[in-house]
Structures are given as C-alpha cells and as structure tokens.
C-alpha cells in the first residue's frame, strides 16, 4: 500500500510502496495521460511534466532509488505454525519528490481523470481512476499530518475553490516554485506548503507575468514555448 511522509527538512514528500504498488501507479498514470497522439495538444507539456513522476517510479522499482524493510505482519511463531519458511519483513521502495512538483501533479491529474470519465462506461469502477485517486488521497493525507488544521483547511479550500483548467499551463512556473522552495529553511518551507498550492491553482499575477515573458521570448526567438526553460538551476545537493 502506498504511503507518503514529509522529508526531514520539509523539502518534499517521500513516497513509499512495494514493487507492485509502484508498478501499478506507473501503469495507471501512463494509461491516464496517454501517449502523445492520444493527449490533447493543449495538455502536452502538462502530460510530460506528470510523466517525470513516472521516471522516478520506474527507477524505484528497478532498484535505482532507496529502499527500507517494513514489518509484513508475520511472526516467527506464525511461520512455524504454518510450517513455512519466510521473512517477517518486506522491502518497501521509496523516492523523494518536491512539494511544488507533487502538488501540481495531483492537481493536474484531475483534468486527465475528467477526460477518462467521459470515455469509460463506469468511471466509478474504473481501476485506473481508482488507482490515481488512491495516490492523490495518500498525498493529501500526508499533508494533513504536516500542516496545522487551519493551513490544511485553507490549502484544500484553495485547491477546490479555483476552477483550474490546466490546459496550456506553463509548467516552467513549477520549476520556479521548486527552486524558490528549496532556497528556504525548514521552518519557512513548512509554513509555505499551502501557499505553494494556492499559487499553483490560482494562476495569479506572478504566473501571468511569467507566462507573458515566456510568450515574448517565444515570439522573439521563434521557438516553441515548451523549449523555453527557467534560467536558474536546481541545487546539486537538495537539502531534503
């Protein structure tokens, strides 16, 4: 079963799960967002950004990320009673993801869920939608454990209040929020998690200014918006 916990210095979330948890989520996200020829052109940049999570998921279940042992509910006495040889531990895989990135991902996935709900006969029973909803709920539950009741309520209200349409969303803004978030200390990070969520979904003045600058550069250089990247680098060593 998927589990999420904040990293020690609130840089983001550590997502835990066994091989099959990660494989199932990986396949569900890939199916939901589709291939390039299946996704509306207005969502292509968002689709690619969401798939960056799949990159980590794939490397995690290939053994290229972290892992830890967890109790599996079995005891030596139970194994002896069942006349079975085995272990009392399972391996859980894990990897870290930044708060702005994961907040954007779980919010933007809603648009793809809505698309799929229009395509399938019984969306309430669709295993792909169910897997994604479980993943979203896991992240939200971890946030409820980190934030104060007031901050959590404010974050959820903001994410539900703004009628966000993520089509043609300029994902460069998420990179800016990621880098800004990493430059803060532990205390400032935890105080601003809900603020990050609000910034992402409201698409306010800051977002609009960045969008305008990217459009200007795109026209001046005659290059696609997707080819323009934020001009500040991520730190080599992230203080998770």
C-alpha atoms as a PDB file:
ATOM      1  CA  UNK A   1       0.000   0.000   0.000  1.00  0.00           C
ATOM      2  CA  UNK A   2       1.323   3.437  -0.916  1.00  0.00           C
ATOM      3  CA  UNK A   3       2.468   5.668   1.910  1.00  0.00           C
ATOM      4  CA  UNK A   4       3.792   9.233   1.894  1.00  0.00           C
ATOM      5  CA  UNK A   5       5.746  11.130   4.540  1.00  0.00           C
ATOM      6  CA  UNK A   6       7.401  14.528   4.618  1.00  0.00           C
ATOM      7  CA  UNK A   7      11.163  14.605   4.217  1.00  0.00           C
ATOM      8  CA  UNK A   8      13.225  15.619   7.299  1.00  0.00           C
ATOM      9  CA  UNK A   9      13.568  19.281   6.283  1.00  0.00           C
ATOM     10  CA  UNK A  10      10.221  19.534   4.505  1.00  0.00           C
ATOM     11  CA  UNK A  11      11.775  19.724   1.060  1.00  0.00           C
ATOM     12  CA  UNK A  12       9.062  17.437  -0.202  1.00  0.00           C
ATOM     13  CA  UNK A  13       7.471  14.044   0.207  1.00  0.00           C
ATOM     14  CA  UNK A  14       8.969  10.556   0.331  1.00  0.00           C
ATOM     15  CA  UNK A  15       6.685   8.115  -1.420  1.00  0.00           C
ATOM     16  CA  UNK A  16       6.872   4.523  -0.158  1.00  0.00           C
ATOM     17  CA  UNK A  17       5.475   1.336  -1.629  1.00  0.00           C
ATOM     18  CA  UNK A  18       6.372  -2.175  -2.645  1.00  0.00           C
ATOM     19  CA  UNK A  19       7.276  -3.181  -6.186  1.00  0.00           C
ATOM     20  CA  UNK A  20       3.670  -3.798  -7.179  1.00  0.00           C
ATOM     21  CA  UNK A  21       2.416  -0.512  -5.668  1.00  0.00           C
ATOM     22  CA  UNK A  22       4.876   1.463  -7.756  1.00  0.00           C
ATOM     23  CA  UNK A  23       4.340  -0.614 -10.879  1.00  0.00           C
ATOM     24  CA  UNK A  24       0.563  -0.222 -10.592  1.00  0.00           C
ATOM     25  CA  UNK A  25       0.803   3.558 -10.146  1.00  0.00           C
ATOM     26  CA  UNK A  26       3.282   3.795 -13.019  1.00  0.00           C
ATOM     27  CA  UNK A  27       0.953   1.944 -15.376  1.00  0.00           C
ATOM     28  CA  UNK A  28      -2.111   3.879 -14.176  1.00  0.00           C
ATOM     29  CA  UNK A  29      -0.507   7.274 -14.781  1.00  0.00           C
ATOM     30  CA  UNK A  30       0.781   6.233 -18.211  1.00  0.00           C
ATOM     31  CA  UNK A  31      -2.652   4.945 -19.188  1.00  0.00           C
ATOM     32  CA  UNK A  32      -4.417   8.025 -17.839  1.00  0.00           C
ATOM     33  CA  UNK A  33      -2.300  10.662 -19.588  1.00  0.00           C
ATOM     34  CA  UNK A  34      -1.884   8.587 -22.746  1.00  0.00           C
ATOM     35  CA  UNK A  35       0.687   8.827 -25.483  1.00  0.00           C
ATOM     36  CA  UNK A  36       1.466  11.991 -27.405  1.00  0.00           C
ATOM     37  CA  UNK A  37      -1.063  11.161 -30.122  1.00  0.00           C
ATOM     38  CA  UNK A  38      -3.767  10.431 -27.529  1.00  0.00           C
ATOM     39  CA  UNK A  39      -3.361  13.589 -25.457  1.00  0.00           C
ATOM     40  CA  UNK A  40      -4.899  16.937 -26.475  1.00  0.00           C
ATOM     41  CA  UNK A  41      -2.154  19.234 -27.751  1.00  0.00           C
ATOM     42  CA  UNK A  42      -3.058  21.814 -25.116  1.00  0.00           C
ATOM     43  CA  UNK A  43      -2.100  19.308 -22.401  1.00  0.00           C
ATOM     44  CA  UNK A  44       1.133  18.006 -23.912  1.00  0.00           C
ATOM     45  CA  UNK A  45       3.508  19.990 -21.676  1.00  0.00           C
ATOM     46  CA  UNK A  46       1.490  19.061 -18.584  1.00  0.00           C
ATOM     47  CA  UNK A  47       1.472  15.410 -19.659  1.00  0.00           C
ATOM     48  CA  UNK A  48       5.265  15.414 -19.963  1.00  0.00           C
ATOM     49  CA  UNK A  49       5.650  17.078 -16.576  1.00  0.00           C
ATOM     50  CA  UNK A  50       3.408  14.492 -14.928  1.00  0.00           C
ATOM     51  CA  UNK A  51       5.423  11.721 -16.566  1.00  0.00           C
ATOM     52  CA  UNK A  52       8.515  12.941 -14.705  1.00  0.00           C
ATOM     53  CA  UNK A  53       6.940  11.224 -11.687  1.00  0.00           C
ATOM     54  CA  UNK A  54       6.796   8.021 -13.721  1.00  0.00           C
ATOM     55  CA  UNK A  55      10.516   8.377 -14.347  1.00  0.00           C
ATOM     56  CA  UNK A  56      11.119   8.174 -10.587  1.00  0.00           C
ATOM     57  CA  UNK A  57       8.593   5.375 -10.161  1.00  0.00           C
ATOM     58  CA  UNK A  58      10.281   3.298 -12.843  1.00  0.00           C
ATOM     59  CA  UNK A  59      13.746   3.827 -11.420  1.00  0.00           C
ATOM     60  CA  UNK A  60      12.429   2.991  -7.950  1.00  0.00           C
ATOM     61  CA  UNK A  61      11.015  -0.402  -8.908  1.00  0.00           C
ATOM     62  CA  UNK A  62      14.176  -1.069 -10.925  1.00  0.00           C
ATOM     63  CA  UNK A  63      16.123  -0.651  -7.680  1.00  0.00           C
ATOM     64  CA  UNK A  64      17.757   2.661  -8.588  1.00  0.00           C
ATOM     65  CA  UNK A  65      16.312   4.625  -5.666  1.00  0.00           C
ATOM     66  CA  UNK A  66      16.028   3.954  -1.927  1.00  0.00           C
ATOM     67  CA  UNK A  67      14.565   1.032  -0.025  1.00  0.00           C
ATOM     68  CA  UNK A  68      13.730   0.016   3.523  1.00  0.00           C
ATOM     69  CA  UNK A  69      12.477  -3.034   5.393  1.00  0.00           C
ATOM     70  CA  UNK A  70       8.988  -2.939   6.950  1.00  0.00           C
ATOM     71  CA  UNK A  71       7.081  -5.457   9.051  1.00  0.00           C
ATOM     72  CA  UNK A  72       4.725  -7.593   6.969  1.00  0.00           C
ATOM     73  CA  UNK A  73       2.539  -8.830   9.844  1.00  0.00           C
ATOM     74  CA  UNK A  74       4.094 -12.269  10.028  1.00  0.00           C
ATOM     75  CA  UNK A  75       5.886 -13.544  13.120  1.00  0.00           C
ATOM     76  CA  UNK A  76       8.267 -16.425  13.690  1.00  0.00           C
ATOM     77  CA  UNK A  77       5.516 -18.264  15.566  1.00  0.00           C
ATOM     78  CA  UNK A  78       3.038 -17.750  12.705  1.00  0.00           C
ATOM     79  CA  UNK A  79       5.521 -19.035  10.162  1.00  0.00           C
ATOM     80  CA  UNK A  80       6.274 -22.022  12.362  1.00  0.00           C
ATOM     81  CA  UNK A  81       2.547 -22.750  12.817  1.00  0.00           C
ATOM     82  CA  UNK A  82       2.028 -22.585   9.031  1.00  0.00           C
ATOM     83  CA  UNK A  83       5.088 -24.789   8.530  1.00  0.00           C
ATOM     84  CA  UNK A  84       6.560 -22.217   6.181  1.00  0.00           C
ATOM     85  CA  UNK A  85       9.979 -20.690   5.800  1.00  0.00           C
ATOM     86  CA  UNK A  86       9.882 -16.956   5.220  1.00  0.00           C
ATOM     87  CA  UNK A  87      10.664 -13.492   6.465  1.00  0.00           C
ATOM     88  CA  UNK A  88       8.863 -11.121   8.776  1.00  0.00           C
ATOM     89  CA  UNK A  89       9.911  -8.134   6.660  1.00  0.00           C
ATOM     90  CA  UNK A  90       9.011  -6.787   3.223  1.00  0.00           C
ATOM     91  CA  UNK A  91      11.050  -4.371   1.143  1.00  0.00           C
ATOM     92  CA  UNK A  92       9.444  -1.002   0.521  1.00  0.00           C
ATOM     93  CA  UNK A  93      10.887   1.122  -2.242  1.00  0.00           C
ATOM     94  CA  UNK A  94      10.985   4.911  -1.914  1.00  0.00           C
ATOM     95  CA  UNK A  95      11.946   8.165  -3.590  1.00  0.00           C
ATOM     96  CA  UNK A  96      11.623  11.880  -2.878  1.00  0.00           C
ATOM     97  CA  UNK A  97       9.633  14.472  -4.783  1.00  0.00           C
ATOM     98  CA  UNK A  98       9.479  18.222  -4.194  1.00  0.00           C
ATOM     99  CA  UNK A  99       6.374  19.785  -2.677  1.00  0.00           C
ATOM    100  CA  UNK A 100       5.503  22.196  -5.532  1.00  0.00           C
ATOM    101  CA  UNK A 101       6.001  19.411  -8.062  1.00  0.00           C
ATOM    102  CA  UNK A 102       3.803  16.878  -6.259  1.00  0.00           C
ATOM    103  CA  UNK A 103       1.112  19.486  -5.517  1.00  0.00           C
ATOM    104  CA  UNK A 104       0.980  20.384  -9.194  1.00  0.00           C
ATOM    105  CA  UNK A 105       0.892  16.721 -10.208  1.00  0.00           C
ATOM    106  CA  UNK A 106      -2.027  15.683  -8.010  1.00  0.00           C
ATOM    107  CA  UNK A 107      -3.981  18.787  -9.064  1.00  0.00           C
ATOM    108  CA  UNK A 108      -3.310  18.437 -12.800  1.00  0.00           C
ATOM    109  CA  UNK A 109      -4.223  14.744 -12.742  1.00  0.00           C
ATOM    110  CA  UNK A 110      -7.822  15.814 -12.083  1.00  0.00           C
ATOM    111  CA  UNK A 111      -8.106  17.146 -15.634  1.00  0.00           C
ATOM    112  CA  UNK A 112      -6.987  13.807 -17.062  1.00  0.00           C
ATOM    113  CA  UNK A 113      -9.401  11.975 -14.757  1.00  0.00           C
ATOM    114  CA  UNK A 114     -12.249  14.100 -16.116  1.00  0.00           C
ATOM    115  CA  UNK A 115     -11.217  13.209 -19.671  1.00  0.00           C
ATOM    116  CA  UNK A 116     -11.197   9.499 -18.837  1.00  0.00           C
ATOM    117  CA  UNK A 117     -14.557   9.713 -17.062  1.00  0.00           C
ATOM    118  CA  UNK A 118     -16.065  10.839 -20.368  1.00  0.00           C
ATOM    119  CA  UNK A 119     -14.533   7.872 -22.178  1.00  0.00           C
ATOM    120  CA  UNK A 120     -15.327   4.887 -19.924  1.00  0.00           C
ATOM    121  CA  UNK A 121     -18.748   3.399 -19.244  1.00  0.00           C
ATOM    122  CA  UNK A 122     -18.484   3.144 -15.465  1.00  0.00           C
ATOM    123  CA  UNK A 123     -15.872   5.612 -14.173  1.00  0.00           C
ATOM    124  CA  UNK A 124     -16.749   4.838 -10.557  1.00  0.00           C
ATOM    125  CA  UNK A 125     -15.459   1.297 -11.112  1.00  0.00           C
ATOM    126  CA  UNK A 126     -12.539   2.123 -13.358  1.00  0.00           C
ATOM    127  CA  UNK A 127      -9.318   0.704 -11.927  1.00  0.00           C
ATOM    128  CA  UNK A 128      -7.157   3.424 -13.500  1.00  0.00           C
ATOM    129  CA  UNK A 129      -9.161   6.246 -11.915  1.00  0.00           C
ATOM    130  CA  UNK A 130      -9.294   4.369  -8.605  1.00  0.00           C
ATOM    131  CA  UNK A 131      -5.506   3.943  -8.553  1.00  0.00           C
ATOM    132  CA  UNK A 132      -4.943   7.637  -9.261  1.00  0.00           C
ATOM    133  CA  UNK A 133      -7.475   8.706  -6.630  1.00  0.00           C
ATOM    134  CA  UNK A 134      -5.767   6.491  -4.063  1.00  0.00           C
ATOM    135  CA  UNK A 135      -2.437   8.117  -4.915  1.00  0.00           C
ATOM    136  CA  UNK A 136      -3.914  11.623  -4.607  1.00  0.00           C
ATOM    137  CA  UNK A 137      -5.544  10.736  -1.287  1.00  0.00           C
ATOM    138  CA  UNK A 138      -2.243   9.376   0.037  1.00  0.00           C
ATOM    139  CA  UNK A 139      -0.515  12.692  -0.693  1.00  0.00           C
ATOM    140  CA  UNK A 140      -3.347  14.750   0.796  1.00  0.00           C
ATOM    141  CA  UNK A 141      -3.387  12.601   3.939  1.00  0.00           C
ATOM    142  CA  UNK A 142       0.347  13.143   4.416  1.00  0.00           C
ATOM    143  CA  UNK A 143      -0.198  16.904   4.114  1.00  0.00           C
ATOM    144  CA  UNK A 144      -2.922  16.790   6.748  1.00  0.00           C
ATOM    145  CA  UNK A 145      -0.386  15.264   9.136  1.00  0.00           C
ATOM    146  CA  UNK A 146       2.165  18.018   8.425  1.00  0.00           C
ATOM    147  CA  UNK A 147       0.108  21.200   8.253  1.00  0.00           C
ATOM    148  CA  UNK A 148      -1.796  22.893  11.032  1.00  0.00           C
ATOM    149  CA  UNK A 149      -5.575  22.338  10.849  1.00  0.00           C
ATOM    150  CA  UNK A 150      -6.038  25.930   9.646  1.00  0.00           C
ATOM    151  CA  UNK A 151      -3.323  25.695   6.967  1.00  0.00           C
ATOM    152  CA  UNK A 152      -4.631  22.324   5.766  1.00  0.00           C
ATOM    153  CA  UNK A 153      -8.196  23.607   5.529  1.00  0.00           C
ATOM    154  CA  UNK A 154      -7.007  26.699   3.659  1.00  0.00           C
ATOM    155  CA  UNK A 155      -4.989  24.567   1.226  1.00  0.00           C
ATOM    156  CA  UNK A 156      -7.883  22.202   0.470  1.00  0.00           C
ATOM    157  CA  UNK A 157     -10.312  25.103   0.097  1.00  0.00           C
ATOM    158  CA  UNK A 158      -7.987  26.854  -2.323  1.00  0.00           C
ATOM    159  CA  UNK A 159      -7.443  23.715  -4.391  1.00  0.00           C
ATOM    160  CA  UNK A 160     -11.205  23.155  -4.579  1.00  0.00           C
ATOM    161  CA  UNK A 161     -12.213  26.816  -4.962  1.00  0.00           C
ATOM    162  CA  UNK A 162     -10.286  27.701  -8.089  1.00  0.00           C
ATOM    163  CA  UNK A 163     -11.805  26.204 -11.213  1.00  0.00           C
ATOM    164  CA  UNK A 164      -8.418  25.274 -12.585  1.00  0.00           C
ATOM    165  CA  UNK A 165      -8.025  24.361 -16.210  1.00  0.00           C
ATOM    166  CA  UNK A 166      -4.511  23.045 -16.684  1.00  0.00           C
ATOM    167  CA  UNK A 167      -4.643  23.158 -20.468  1.00  0.00           C
ATOM    168  CA  UNK A 168      -1.803  25.260 -21.859  1.00  0.00           C
ATOM    169  CA  UNK A 169      -0.354  25.564 -18.349  1.00  0.00           C
ATOM    170  CA  UNK A 170       3.177  26.982 -18.351  1.00  0.00           C
ATOM    171  CA  UNK A 171       4.981  24.344 -16.318  1.00  0.00           C
ATOM    172  CA  UNK A 172       8.118  26.498 -16.163  1.00  0.00           C
ATOM    173  CA  UNK A 173       6.337  28.194 -13.281  1.00  0.00           C
ATOM    174  CA  UNK A 174       6.505  24.972 -11.258  1.00  0.00           C
ATOM    175  CA  UNK A 175      10.273  24.869 -11.751  1.00  0.00           C
ATOM    176  CA  UNK A 176      10.482  28.403 -10.389  1.00  0.00           C
ATOM    177  CA  UNK A 177       8.406  27.446  -7.351  1.00  0.00           C
ATOM    178  CA  UNK A 178      10.548  24.330  -6.801  1.00  0.00           C
ATOM    179  CA  UNK A 179      13.779  26.316  -6.777  1.00  0.00           C
ATOM    180  CA  UNK A 180      12.339  29.063  -4.589  1.00  0.00           C
ATOM    181  CA  UNK A 181      11.061  26.459  -2.129  1.00  0.00           C
ATOM    182  CA  UNK A 182      14.476  24.801  -1.912  1.00  0.00           C
ATOM    183  CA  UNK A 183      16.139  28.117  -1.052  1.00  0.00           C
ATOM    184  CA  UNK A 184      14.057  28.433   2.122  1.00  0.00           C
ATOM    185  CA  UNK A 185      14.921  26.976   5.503  1.00  0.00           C
ATOM    186  CA  UNK A 186      12.986  24.188   7.189  1.00  0.00           C
ATOM    187  CA  UNK A 187      10.585  26.443   9.076  1.00  0.00           C
ATOM    188  CA  UNK A 188       9.744  28.644   6.104  1.00  0.00           C
ATOM    189  CA  UNK A 189       9.124  25.618   3.916  1.00  0.00           C
ATOM    190  CA  UNK A 190       6.509  24.070   6.182  1.00  0.00           C
ATOM    191  CA  UNK A 191       4.780  27.435   6.598  1.00  0.00           C
ATOM    192  CA  UNK A 192       4.513  27.868   2.835  1.00  0.00           C
ATOM    193  CA  UNK A 193       3.339  24.461   1.613  1.00  0.00           C
ATOM    194  CA  UNK A 194      -0.282  25.617   1.488  1.00  0.00           C
ATOM    195  CA  UNK A 195       0.840  28.870  -0.152  1.00  0.00           C
ATOM    196  CA  UNK A 196       2.546  26.874  -2.906  1.00  0.00           C
ATOM    197  CA  UNK A 197      -0.703  25.020  -3.561  1.00  0.00           C
ATOM    198  CA  UNK A 198      -2.588  28.302  -3.840  1.00  0.00           C
ATOM    199  CA  UNK A 199      -0.017  29.798  -6.212  1.00  0.00           C
ATOM    200  CA  UNK A 200      -0.263  26.761  -8.490  1.00  0.00           C
ATOM    201  CA  UNK A 201      -4.036  26.652  -8.824  1.00  0.00           C
ATOM    202  CA  UNK A 202      -4.964  30.339  -8.806  1.00  0.00           C
ATOM    203  CA  UNK A 203      -2.649  31.245 -11.701  1.00  0.00           C
ATOM    204  CA  UNK A 204      -2.315  34.733 -10.241  1.00  0.00           C
ATOM    205  CA  UNK A 205      -0.274  37.801 -11.153  1.00  0.00           C
ATOM    206  CA  UNK A 206       3.100  36.106 -10.753  1.00  0.00           C
ATOM    207  CA  UNK A 207       2.097  33.231 -13.011  1.00  0.00           C
ATOM    208  CA  UNK A 208       0.618  35.587 -15.596  1.00  0.00           C
ATOM    209  CA  UNK A 209       3.800  37.702 -15.632  1.00  0.00           C
ATOM    210  CA  UNK A 210       5.950  34.633 -16.221  1.00  0.00           C
ATOM    211  CA  UNK A 211       3.609  33.457 -18.953  1.00  0.00           C
ATOM    212  CA  UNK A 212       3.798  36.843 -20.668  1.00  0.00           C
ATOM    213  CA  UNK A 213       7.607  36.867 -20.559  1.00  0.00           C
ATOM    214  CA  UNK A 214       7.780  33.348 -21.980  1.00  0.00           C
ATOM    215  CA  UNK A 215       5.393  34.294 -24.779  1.00  0.00           C
ATOM    216  CA  UNK A 216       7.512  37.342 -25.614  1.00  0.00           C
ATOM    217  CA  UNK A 217      10.682  35.258 -25.746  1.00  0.00           C
ATOM    218  CA  UNK A 218       8.947  32.599 -27.803  1.00  0.00           C
ATOM    219  CA  UNK A 219       7.908  35.172 -30.386  1.00  0.00           C
ATOM    220  CA  UNK A 220      11.279  36.946 -30.386  1.00  0.00           C
ATOM    221  CA  UNK A 221      13.298  33.750 -30.813  1.00  0.00           C
ATOM    222  CA  UNK A 222      10.691  31.998 -32.946  1.00  0.00           C
ATOM    223  CA  UNK A 223      10.802  28.883 -30.765  1.00  0.00           C
ATOM    224  CA  UNK A 224       8.037  26.855 -29.090  1.00  0.00           C
ATOM    225  CA  UNK A 225       7.046  27.775 -25.556  1.00  0.00           C
ATOM    226  CA  UNK A 226       7.991  24.250 -24.469  1.00  0.00           C
ATOM    227  CA  UNK A 227      11.627  24.877 -25.484  1.00  0.00           C
ATOM    228  CA  UNK A 228      11.999  27.734 -23.008  1.00  0.00           C
ATOM    229  CA  UNK A 229      13.330  26.782 -19.583  1.00  0.00           C
ATOM    230  CA  UNK A 230      13.711  28.656 -16.328  1.00  0.00           C
ATOM    231  CA  UNK A 231      17.165  30.263 -16.229  1.00  0.00           C
ATOM    232  CA  UNK A 232      18.037  29.244 -12.670  1.00  0.00           C
ATOM    233  CA  UNK A 233      19.437  25.788 -11.907  1.00  0.00           C
ATOM    234  CA  UNK A 234      18.317  23.352  -9.260  1.00  0.00           C
ATOM    235  CA  UNK A 235      20.906  22.849  -6.486  1.00  0.00           C
ATOM    236  CA  UNK A 236      23.228  19.900  -6.975  1.00  0.00           C
ATOM    237  CA  UNK A 237      22.558  18.671  -3.434  1.00  0.00           C
ATOM    238  CA  UNK A 238      18.978  19.043  -2.249  1.00  0.00           C
ATOM    239  CA  UNK A 239      18.503  19.596   1.470  1.00  0.00           C
ATOM    240  CA  UNK A 240      15.553  17.274   1.782  1.00  0.00           C
END
